[in-house]
Amino acid sequence: MNQVISIKRSSERAQDSKIPHRGNRFFKLGDNWYFTTREGFSMGPYDSHELADKGTEDYLAFVSRADPKILKLLVPDLQAVQA
């Protein structure tokens, strides 16, 4: 499975806790694995928990290096999320 999509669950709203509990960022839906981001998105699908874990590492590396203009395109209200 090469295509990664982002799913915003109905329970993940911007007005909810600004920094969600990070107890377990991985979840399985059907046969696929996903991870949640601090910004409130679910990323996946991945074929295994291990691939989802690697996806988390890749996502964090991208976010830490991305130009702020690019991040703003992905998450328009990023400043509110990080506050």
Protein backbone atom coordinates (compact mmCIF):
# COMPACT_ATOMS: atom_id res chain seq x y z
CA MET A 1 0.00 0.00 0.00
CA ASN A 2 1.81 3.09 -1.27
CA GLN A 3 -0.79 5.83 -0.90
CA VAL A 4 -1.00 7.55 2.50
CA ILE A 5 -4.14 9.48 3.32
CA SER A 6 -5.10 11.71 6.20
CA ILE A 7 -8.40 11.12 7.99
CA LYS A 8 -9.80 13.60 10.50
CA ARG A 9 -12.02 11.67 12.89
CA SER A 10 -15.20 13.39 14.03
CA SER A 11 -13.94 13.28 17.62
CA GLU A 12 -10.80 15.27 16.64
CA ARG A 13 -11.89 18.89 16.65
CA ALA A 14 -9.66 21.97 16.86
CA GLN A 15 -11.48 23.22 19.95
CA ASP A 16 -10.60 20.01 21.81
CA SER A 17 -7.48 19.82 23.94
CA LYS A 18 -4.66 21.68 22.18
CA ILE A 19 -2.17 18.92 23.01
CA PRO A 20 -3.91 15.58 22.90
CA HIS A 21 -3.01 12.74 25.22
CA ARG A 22 -0.18 10.82 23.55
CA GLY A 23 -0.83 7.53 25.34
CA ASN A 24 -1.17 5.57 22.12
CA ARG A 25 -0.89 7.29 18.78
CA PHE A 26 -1.46 4.07 16.79
CA PHE A 27 -4.75 2.40 15.98
CA LYS A 28 -5.93 -0.36 13.71
CA LEU A 29 -8.96 0.01 11.47
CA GLY A 30 -9.83 -3.15 9.56
CA ASP A 31 -6.56 -4.60 8.32
CA ASN A 32 -4.75 -1.24 8.26
CA TRP A 33 -2.74 0.72 10.82
CA TYR A 34 -2.85 4.49 11.35
CA PHE A 35 -1.19 7.02 13.65
CA THR A 36 -2.54 10.29 14.98
CA THR A 37 -0.65 13.57 14.92
CA ARG A 38 -0.55 16.37 17.47
CA GLU A 39 -2.31 18.50 14.88
CA GLY A 40 -5.32 16.20 15.11
CA PHE A 41 -4.97 14.15 11.93
CA SER A 42 -4.96 10.41 11.45
CA MET A 43 -2.32 9.27 8.96
CA GLY A 44 -2.35 6.03 7.02
CA PRO A 45 -3.20 3.42 6.00
CA TYR A 46 -0.15 1.25 6.66
CA ASP A 47 0.05 -2.51 6.24
CA SER A 48 1.57 -3.06 9.70
CA HIS A 49 2.19 -1.38 13.05
CA GLU A 50 5.90 -1.30 12.21
CA LEU A 51 5.24 0.61 8.98
CA ALA A 52 2.97 3.03 10.84
CA ASP A 53 5.78 3.57 13.36
CA LYS A 54 8.17 4.31 10.49
CA GLY A 55 5.54 6.65 9.04
CA THR A 56 5.50 8.51 12.36
CA GLU A 57 9.27 8.94 12.22
CA ASP A 58 9.04 10.17 8.62
CA TYR A 59 6.23 12.59 9.50
CA LEU A 60 8.14 14.03 12.46
CA ALA A 61 11.29 14.44 10.36
CA PHE A 62 9.27 16.25 7.69
CA VAL A 63 7.52 18.57 10.17
CA SER A 64 10.78 19.44 11.93
CA ARG A 65 12.44 20.43 8.63
CA ALA A 66 9.55 21.85 6.62
CA ASP A 67 9.36 25.51 5.77
CA PRO A 68 6.69 27.24 7.90
CA LYS A 69 4.85 28.27 4.70
CA ILE A 70 4.48 24.60 3.74
CA LEU A 71 3.27 23.67 7.23
CA LYS A 72 0.68 26.44 7.07
CA LEU A 73 -0.71 24.89 3.87
CA LEU A 74 -1.07 21.54 5.62
CA VAL A 75 -2.48 22.88 8.88
CA PRO A 76 -3.85 26.42 8.37
CA ASP A 77 -4.29 27.07 12.12
CA LEU A 78 -0.93 25.57 13.15
CA GLN A 79 -0.14 28.38 15.60
CA ALA A 80 -3.32 27.65 17.57
CA VAL A 81 -2.43 23.94 17.68
CA GLN A 82 1.10 24.62 18.94
CA ALA A 83 0.02 27.22 21.53
